[in-house]
Protein backbone atom coordinates (compact mmCIF):
# COMPACT_ATOMS: atom_id res chain seq x y z
CA MET A 1 121.04 61.72 99.25
CA GLU A 2 117.60 60.58 100.63
CA VAL A 3 114.68 62.92 100.27
CA HIS A 4 111.68 62.62 102.58
CA GLY A 5 108.16 63.60 102.27
CA PHE A 6 105.62 63.39 99.51
CA CYS A 7 105.27 64.82 95.99
CA ASP A 8 102.31 64.35 93.72
CA GLU A 9 103.50 62.64 90.61
CA LYS A 10 102.47 65.67 88.49
CA PHE A 11 105.35 67.58 90.18
CA ALA A 12 108.10 64.76 89.94
CA GLN A 13 110.47 67.12 88.31
CA VAL A 14 110.21 69.30 91.42
CA ARG A 15 111.35 66.31 93.42
CA ASP A 16 114.23 65.56 91.05
CA LEU A 17 115.58 69.17 91.24
CA PHE A 18 115.13 69.21 94.95
CA GLU A 19 117.72 66.30 95.00
CA LYS A 20 120.08 67.89 92.53
CA ASN A 21 120.19 71.14 94.58
CA PHE A 22 122.22 69.01 97.15
CA GLU A 23 124.30 67.39 94.49
CA GLU A 24 124.87 70.34 92.13
CA LEU A 25 124.14 73.62 94.23
CA GLY A 26 125.65 72.76 97.54
CA ASP A 27 122.53 72.51 99.76
CA ILE A 28 123.01 71.03 103.12
CA GLY A 29 119.66 70.89 104.58
CA ALA A 30 116.53 71.98 102.98
CA SER A 31 112.71 71.85 102.54
CA PHE A 32 110.14 72.72 99.65
CA ALA A 33 106.32 72.82 99.93
CA ALA A 34 103.55 73.86 97.93
CA THR A 35 99.83 73.93 97.89
CA VAL A 36 97.15 74.16 95.07
CA ASP A 37 93.63 75.16 95.95
CA GLY A 38 94.58 74.93 99.58
CA GLU A 39 95.71 71.40 99.58
CA PHE A 40 99.46 70.37 99.88
CA VAL A 41 100.72 68.59 96.68
CA VAL A 42 104.44 68.89 97.56
CA ASP A 43 106.27 68.66 100.94
CA LEU A 44 109.92 67.68 100.85
CA TRP A 45 112.70 67.72 103.16
CA GLY A 46 116.16 66.38 103.33
CA GLY A 47 119.95 66.71 104.14
CA HIS A 48 121.38 67.96 107.36
CA ALA A 49 120.62 70.52 109.97
CA ASP A 50 124.25 71.33 110.70
CA LEU A 51 127.34 71.75 108.63
CA ALA A 52 129.12 68.85 110.27
CA LYS A 53 126.37 66.79 108.84
CA THR A 54 125.77 65.12 112.40
CA ARG A 55 122.11 65.88 112.61
CA PRO A 56 119.50 64.90 109.83
CA TRP A 57 117.02 67.44 108.72
CA GLU A 58 113.99 65.92 110.02
CA GLU A 59 110.25 66.45 109.37
CA ASP A 60 109.98 69.14 112.10
CA THR A 61 113.35 70.87 111.76
CA ILE A 62 113.00 74.63 111.47
CA VAL A 63 115.48 77.33 110.71
CA ASN A 64 115.91 81.12 110.49
CA VAL A 65 114.33 82.37 107.30
CA TYR A 66 115.47 86.02 107.33
CA SER A 67 113.43 88.25 105.31
CA THR A 68 110.75 85.52 104.53
CA THR A 69 109.73 86.47 108.04
CA LYS A 70 108.48 89.87 106.61
CA THR A 71 105.44 88.05 105.02
CA MET A 72 104.22 86.94 108.50
CA SER A 73 103.99 90.69 109.54
CA PHE A 74 102.25 91.27 106.36
CA ILE A 75 99.39 89.01 107.11
CA CYS A 76 99.02 90.16 110.55
CA ALA A 77 98.37 93.66 109.20
CA LEU A 78 96.13 92.34 106.43
CA LEU A 79 93.89 90.43 109.13
CA LEU A 80 93.75 93.50 111.31
CA ALA A 81 92.60 95.47 108.32
CA ASP A 82 90.12 92.85 107.33
CA ARG A 83 88.56 93.08 110.91
CA GLY A 84 88.22 96.96 110.44
CA GLU A 85 90.76 97.60 113.13
CA LEU A 86 93.48 98.82 110.99
CA ASP A 87 93.14 101.48 108.10
CA PHE A 88 96.34 101.31 105.81
CA ASN A 89 95.51 104.73 104.51
CA ALA A 90 95.46 106.42 108.08
CA LYS A 91 98.20 108.32 109.50
CA VAL A 92 100.65 106.28 111.59
CA GLY A 93 100.21 108.72 114.47
CA ASP A 94 96.57 107.71 114.77
CA TYR A 95 97.82 104.37 116.25
CA TRP A 96 101.37 105.43 117.31
CA PRO A 97 101.22 109.13 118.37
CA GLU A 98 104.97 109.26 119.31
CA TYR A 99 105.92 108.45 115.77
CA ALA A 100 104.28 111.51 114.19
CA THR A 101 107.15 114.01 114.79
CA ASN A 102 110.35 115.21 113.13
CA GLY A 103 109.10 115.22 109.60
CA LYS A 104 107.22 111.74 109.83
CA GLU A 105 103.76 113.50 110.48
CA THR A 106 102.29 112.65 107.07
CA THR A 107 103.55 108.86 107.01
CA GLU A 108 100.66 106.41 106.59
CA VAL A 109 100.45 102.97 107.59
CA ARG A 110 100.65 101.63 103.88
CA HIS A 111 104.05 103.30 103.79
CA PHE A 112 105.45 100.86 106.31
CA LEU A 113 104.39 97.77 104.16
CA SER A 114 105.80 99.23 101.02
CA HIS A 115 109.22 100.12 102.39
CA SER A 116 108.55 103.73 101.37
CA ALA A 117 108.26 105.14 104.94
CA GLY A 118 111.90 106.66 104.69
CA VAL A 119 113.25 104.91 107.89
CA PRO A 120 115.15 102.04 106.39
CA GLY A 121 117.84 101.97 108.96
CA PHE A 122 118.28 102.93 112.63
CA ASP A 123 119.66 106.44 113.49
CA PRO A 124 121.83 106.46 115.47
CA LYS A 125 122.93 103.31 114.15
CA PHE A 126 123.29 100.36 116.27
CA THR A 127 126.93 98.96 116.51
CA GLU A 128 126.01 95.54 117.78
CA VAL A 129 123.24 93.14 117.54
CA GLY A 130 122.05 93.44 121.26
CA PRO A 131 119.81 96.48 120.83
CA LEU A 132 117.64 94.39 118.22
CA TYR A 133 116.49 92.07 121.09
CA ASP A 134 115.09 95.18 123.08
CA TRP A 135 111.78 96.04 121.36
CA ASN A 136 111.43 99.48 123.09
CA ALA A 137 114.82 100.55 122.11
CA CYS A 138 114.18 99.75 118.38
CA VAL A 139 110.72 101.52 118.21
CA GLU A 140 111.88 104.56 120.24
CA ASN A 141 114.87 104.94 117.86
CA LEU A 142 112.47 104.86 114.85
CA ALA A 143 109.98 107.13 116.36
CA ALA A 144 112.67 109.81 117.18
CA GLN A 145 114.53 109.98 113.92
CA ALA A 146 113.94 112.07 110.85
CA PRO A 147 112.76 110.26 107.47
CA TRP A 148 115.71 109.80 105.05
CA TRP A 149 113.30 110.82 102.30
CA GLU A 150 110.00 112.09 102.09
CA PRO A 151 107.47 109.43 103.36
CA GLY A 152 105.90 107.66 100.46
CA ALA A 153 108.04 109.15 97.76
CA GLN A 154 110.05 105.83 96.87
CA SER A 155 110.86 102.46 98.11
CA GLY A 156 114.09 101.73 100.07
CA TYR A 157 114.25 98.37 101.38
CA HIS A 158 113.61 98.58 105.20
CA ALA A 159 115.69 95.38 105.81
CA ILE A 160 115.41 95.18 109.54
CA THR A 161 113.22 98.20 110.53
CA GLN A 162 110.03 97.32 108.89
CA GLY A 163 109.21 94.45 111.23
CA TYR A 164 109.51 96.78 114.20
CA LEU A 165 107.42 99.46 112.36
CA ILE A 166 104.68 97.05 111.43
CA GLY A 167 105.01 95.09 114.74
CA GLU A 168 104.45 98.22 116.73
CA ILE A 169 101.21 99.06 114.92
CA VAL A 170 99.98 95.68 115.50
CA ARG A 171 100.86 96.07 119.23
CA ARG A 172 99.22 99.30 119.76
CA ILE A 173 96.02 97.92 118.13
CA SER A 174 95.90 94.41 119.67
CA GLY A 175 97.70 94.99 122.88
CA LYS A 176 99.92 91.90 121.93
CA THR A 177 103.46 91.77 120.67
CA ILE A 178 103.71 90.66 116.99
CA GLY A 179 105.10 87.39 117.94
CA SER A 180 102.15 86.61 120.37
CA PHE A 181 99.59 87.99 117.87
CA PHE A 182 100.89 85.71 115.11
CA ARG A 183 100.96 82.65 117.10
CA ASP A 184 97.42 83.18 118.46
CA GLU A 185 95.58 84.46 115.43
CA ILE A 186 97.60 82.88 112.52
CA ALA A 187 99.97 80.10 113.21
CA GLY A 188 98.01 78.53 115.92
CA PRO A 189 94.70 78.27 114.13
CA LEU A 190 96.38 77.15 110.89
CA GLY A 191 98.78 74.69 112.45
CA ALA A 192 101.88 76.58 111.30
CA ASP A 193 105.11 75.70 113.13
CA PHE A 194 106.38 79.28 112.60
CA HIS A 195 107.89 81.32 115.47
CA ILE A 196 108.47 85.13 115.57
CA GLY A 197 110.34 84.53 119.03
CA MET A 198 110.63 80.97 120.26
CA PRO A 199 110.41 79.33 123.59
CA ASP A 200 113.64 77.42 124.58
CA ASP A 201 111.92 74.06 124.20
CA VAL A 202 111.95 74.53 120.44
CA PHE A 203 115.67 75.03 120.29
CA PRO A 204 116.56 71.37 119.77
CA ARG A 205 114.74 71.36 116.43
CA VAL A 206 116.46 74.46 115.03
CA ALA A 207 119.13 74.06 112.23
CA GLU A 208 122.23 75.79 111.99
CA MET A 209 122.45 78.72 109.72
CA ILE A 210 125.57 78.13 107.48
CA PRO A 211 127.20 81.34 106.06
CA ASP A 212 128.19 81.60 102.37
CA THR A 213 131.88 81.47 101.44
CA PRO A 214 131.66 83.71 98.39
CA ASP A 215 134.72 84.25 96.06
CA PRO A 216 136.69 86.93 97.49
CA ASP A 217 137.50 88.22 93.88
CA ALA A 218 133.78 88.55 93.11
CA PRO A 219 132.37 92.07 92.80
CA SER A 220 129.87 93.19 95.26
CA PRO A 221 126.33 93.30 94.03
CA PHE A 222 126.22 96.79 95.32
CA GLY A 223 129.44 97.91 93.73
CA GLU A 224 131.85 100.29 95.80
CA LEU A 225 129.41 102.12 98.18
CA ASP A 226 129.85 105.66 99.83
CA PRO A 227 129.51 104.88 103.47
CA ASN A 228 127.13 107.80 103.58
CA ALA A 229 124.86 106.26 100.79
CA ILE A 230 121.54 104.91 101.87
CA PRO A 231 122.28 101.37 101.07
CA ALA A 232 125.49 101.39 103.14
CA ARG A 233 123.85 103.28 106.12
CA VAL A 234 120.95 100.56 106.18
CA PHE A 235 123.24 97.62 106.26
CA ALA A 236 125.66 99.27 108.74
CA SER A 237 122.76 100.24 111.07
CA ALA A 238 121.87 96.70 112.31
CA PRO A 239 124.68 94.13 112.34
CA ALA A 240 122.86 90.63 112.10
CA ASP A 241 125.14 87.84 110.78
CA THR A 242 124.85 84.14 111.22
CA ASP A 243 127.03 84.36 114.43
CA ALA A 244 124.18 86.12 116.06
CA VAL A 245 121.38 84.14 114.32
CA ASN A 246 122.73 80.81 115.77
CA THR A 247 122.34 82.01 119.32
CA PRO A 248 119.69 81.68 121.97
CA ASP A 249 119.24 85.47 122.21
CA TRP A 250 118.33 85.85 118.53
CA ARG A 251 116.13 82.95 118.54
CA ARG A 252 114.08 84.13 121.62
CA ALA A 253 113.71 87.63 120.26
CA GLU A 254 110.99 89.13 118.28
CA ILE A 255 112.66 90.32 115.17
CA PRO A 256 109.79 90.39 112.76
CA ALA A 257 111.65 91.49 109.59
CA ALA A 258 114.40 88.79 109.86
CA GLY A 259 114.12 86.60 112.89
CA GLY A 260 111.37 84.15 112.07
CA HIS A 261 111.83 80.39 112.17
CA GLY A 262 110.20 77.68 110.35
CA ASN A 263 110.39 75.37 107.27
CA ALA A 264 108.71 75.31 103.85
CA ARG A 265 105.71 73.58 105.15
CA ALA A 266 105.24 75.98 108.04
CA VAL A 267 105.68 79.08 105.78
CA VAL A 268 103.15 77.58 103.32
CA ARG A 269 100.73 76.68 105.91
CA ALA A 270 100.63 80.38 107.28
CA GLN A 271 100.36 81.91 103.89
CA THR A 272 98.23 79.54 102.05
CA PRO A 273 94.79 81.35 103.07
CA LEU A 274 95.87 84.48 101.14
CA ALA A 275 96.04 82.50 97.87
CA ASN A 276 92.50 80.81 98.48
CA GLY A 277 90.18 83.82 99.34
CA GLY A 278 91.09 83.73 102.90
CA SER A 279 90.39 80.01 103.87
CA ALA A 280 92.43 77.00 104.19
CA PHE A 281 93.03 73.76 106.34
CA GLY A 282 89.49 74.31 107.67
CA VAL A 283 90.08 77.84 108.92
CA GLU A 284 88.34 80.86 107.62
CA LEU A 285 91.09 83.48 108.33
CA MET A 286 89.81 86.49 106.44
CA SER A 287 87.49 87.62 103.65
CA PRO A 288 88.36 87.34 99.98
CA THR A 289 88.35 91.10 99.77
CA GLY A 290 90.72 91.27 102.54
CA CYS A 291 93.12 88.92 100.81
CA ALA A 292 92.82 90.83 97.44
CA ARG A 293 94.20 94.06 99.16
CA MET A 294 97.75 92.65 99.13
CA GLN A 295 97.81 93.44 95.30
CA GLU A 296 97.23 97.15 95.86
CA GLU A 297 100.09 98.78 94.28
CA GLN A 298 102.02 101.11 96.48
CA THR A 299 105.33 101.81 94.67
CA ASN A 300 106.92 100.94 91.35
CA GLY A 301 110.56 101.87 90.40
CA PRO A 302 114.26 101.53 91.37
CA ASP A 303 114.41 100.63 94.99
CA ALA A 304 116.84 102.91 96.82
CA VAL A 305 118.55 100.23 98.75
CA LEU A 306 118.42 97.13 96.70
CA PHE A 307 119.14 98.89 93.35
CA LEU A 308 116.32 96.80 91.71
CA PRO A 309 113.21 97.70 89.88
CA ILE A 310 110.49 96.53 92.38
CA ARG A 311 106.66 96.92 92.24
CA PHE A 312 105.48 96.61 95.81
CA GLY A 313 101.94 95.97 96.98
CA LEU A 314 100.84 95.86 100.63
CA GLY A 315 103.93 94.13 101.70
CA TYR A 316 104.52 91.54 99.18
CA ALA A 317 106.20 92.32 95.67
CA PHE A 318 105.12 91.60 92.16
CA PRO A 319 107.18 89.51 90.03
CA ASN A 320 109.27 90.98 87.14
CA ASP A 321 112.05 90.36 84.82
CA ALA A 322 114.55 90.68 87.45
CA MET A 323 112.65 88.47 89.84
CA PRO A 324 110.52 85.97 87.80
CA MET A 325 108.95 84.18 90.65
CA SER A 326 105.80 83.50 88.84
CA PRO A 327 104.46 83.39 85.39
CA ASN A 328 101.34 85.25 86.69
CA ASP A 329 101.72 88.90 86.82
CA ASN A 330 99.51 89.44 89.85
CA ALA A 331 101.19 86.71 91.98
CA MET A 332 103.19 88.04 95.05
CA PHE A 333 106.35 86.98 96.67
CA TRP A 334 109.05 87.90 99.04
CA GLY A 335 112.35 86.04 100.11
CA GLY A 336 115.12 86.01 102.51
CA ALA A 337 118.86 86.75 102.64
CA GLY A 338 120.50 83.45 101.77
CA GLY A 339 117.95 81.92 99.67
CA SER A 340 114.57 81.34 101.41
CA THR A 341 111.34 82.23 99.16
CA ILE A 342 107.61 82.48 99.55
CA VAL A 343 105.17 82.92 96.62
CA VAL A 344 101.54 83.79 97.13
CA ASP A 345 99.71 83.28 93.89
CA GLN A 346 95.98 84.20 93.99
CA PRO A 347 95.15 83.86 90.31
CA ALA A 348 96.49 80.24 90.40
CA HIS A 349 95.52 79.55 94.01
CA VAL A 350 99.14 78.31 94.56
CA CYS A 351 101.42 78.94 97.54
CA LEU A 352 104.84 77.61 97.62
CA SER A 353 108.20 78.11 99.61
CA TYR A 354 111.54 76.99 99.70
CA VAL A 355 113.66 77.03 102.95
CA MET A 356 117.26 75.98 103.56
CA ASN A 357 120.05 76.35 106.13
CA GLN A 358 123.15 76.80 103.67
CA MET A 359 123.24 80.53 102.72
CA ARG A 360 124.14 82.17 99.40
CA SER A 361 125.00 85.87 98.95
CA GLY A 362 121.56 86.80 97.39
CA ILE A 363 119.46 89.25 99.22
CA VAL A 364 116.04 88.01 98.04
CA GLY A 365 115.98 84.36 97.09
CA ASP A 366 118.44 82.59 94.71
CA THR A 367 118.88 79.87 91.98
CA ARG A 368 117.89 76.91 94.31
CA GLY A 369 114.42 77.99 94.94
CA GLY A 370 113.89 79.87 91.89
CA ARG A 371 114.35 76.65 89.71
CA LEU A 372 112.11 74.65 91.89
CA GLY A 373 109.45 77.34 91.56
CA LYS A 374 109.74 77.40 87.71
CA ALA A 375 109.58 73.62 87.63
CA PHE A 376 106.57 73.64 89.78
CA TYR A 377 104.72 76.17 87.51
CA GLU A 378 105.86 74.07 84.36
CA ALA A 379 104.17 70.96 85.76
CA LEU A 380 101.04 73.01 86.96
C-alpha cells in the first residue's frame, strides 16, 4: 500500500505504523499530520476514498470527522474571548436572552464548552436527521427545554447539541453563522481546508464514510441501557448515521458538533496556533493568554453520558489513564466517533491529528490514531 506525503526521518516509526494500520487494522483511507513549534514534521495520506477502492485518497481528499469538529467551535469561542467579545463566566442569557428560561437562567457560557449545561440531547427528540439541517429548529428546541440536571453540576457529553449551543453564541456576537465565522476568521487566514457546511463544488473531494461492522456478539460499551437513562436519551434524540453523513444535505449543513469535513492536515493547520502561543503559518490568531485559557479546568469526574472519567477544560479534555492521548498532563485533546483525533499540546508545542474514513466502534478515537500518537511522542 503506497503512502504519500512526507515524514521527517525522526518520525519514521510513525510512517511505518501508518502503513501497518492498513495492513493490520483495516484502514481504507486515512491521513496523519503533526506540527512541532508550528512547523509540519509529518503529513501522510494513503488508501482509498471509497469502500469499493475505486477512488484513491488524494492529497486534498477530505471526510466527515464527527466530533473532532467540536474543536473548531472551541477555537471560535476562544478567539472571541481573546478579542474581549465573549466572557466565559457570563450568563448565556446575556448573549442569547431566549435561552434563559425554564431552569436555565443560571447557565454560564463555560458550561456549554464543558458539556455541563444539562441539555445533552433534544427534547422533544428528533426522530429523523432532517431537523439537524434547520439551525433555528435546533436552537429553539434547546432554548425551550428544561435542563436535565443543574447547569454546571456535572459533565454529560453533549454529542450533537454542543455545536448548536456554542454556534448560537458565536452567531449572536458576530452576526455570522459559526461555519462562516470559522471560514472567515480561522480556516481562511490559516489555509485550513476544513468546512463546517461546504459548498457543492467541494463534494468531488469528499471521501465516503464507511460504517463499522462490529461483532454482533460483542457487548455494548454502554451495557443494557434503560431507554429513559440519560445516555439512551442523548443518542436517541438526534439520529445521524453514515447513511445521513454521506448525503449532500449533511455536507451542506452546519452541524458544528459532528458535521465538519477535513483531513489531518486541515485539522492541524486550524489548531496549531493554540499549541504555539496563538501564532502559526505567519498568522497571529490570538494572544498566548487567550490560548492558555483552554486549560482552565471546568469539570472532573465520571461523565453522565460516556461513563468515562473526564476532566474538561474550556472545550478540550485533558488526557488520563482511560484516554492517554499524550504523556503531558496539560496536553488537550478530543476525537470523533469512528476514530478521528486531535491533540493540542501546549507544553510540547505539538499539534497532531489522525483522520480516516473506515469507522470503528469507539466514541472518542481508537487504536489506530492512538498508536500513531504514541509513536510520535516516543520519537519526539
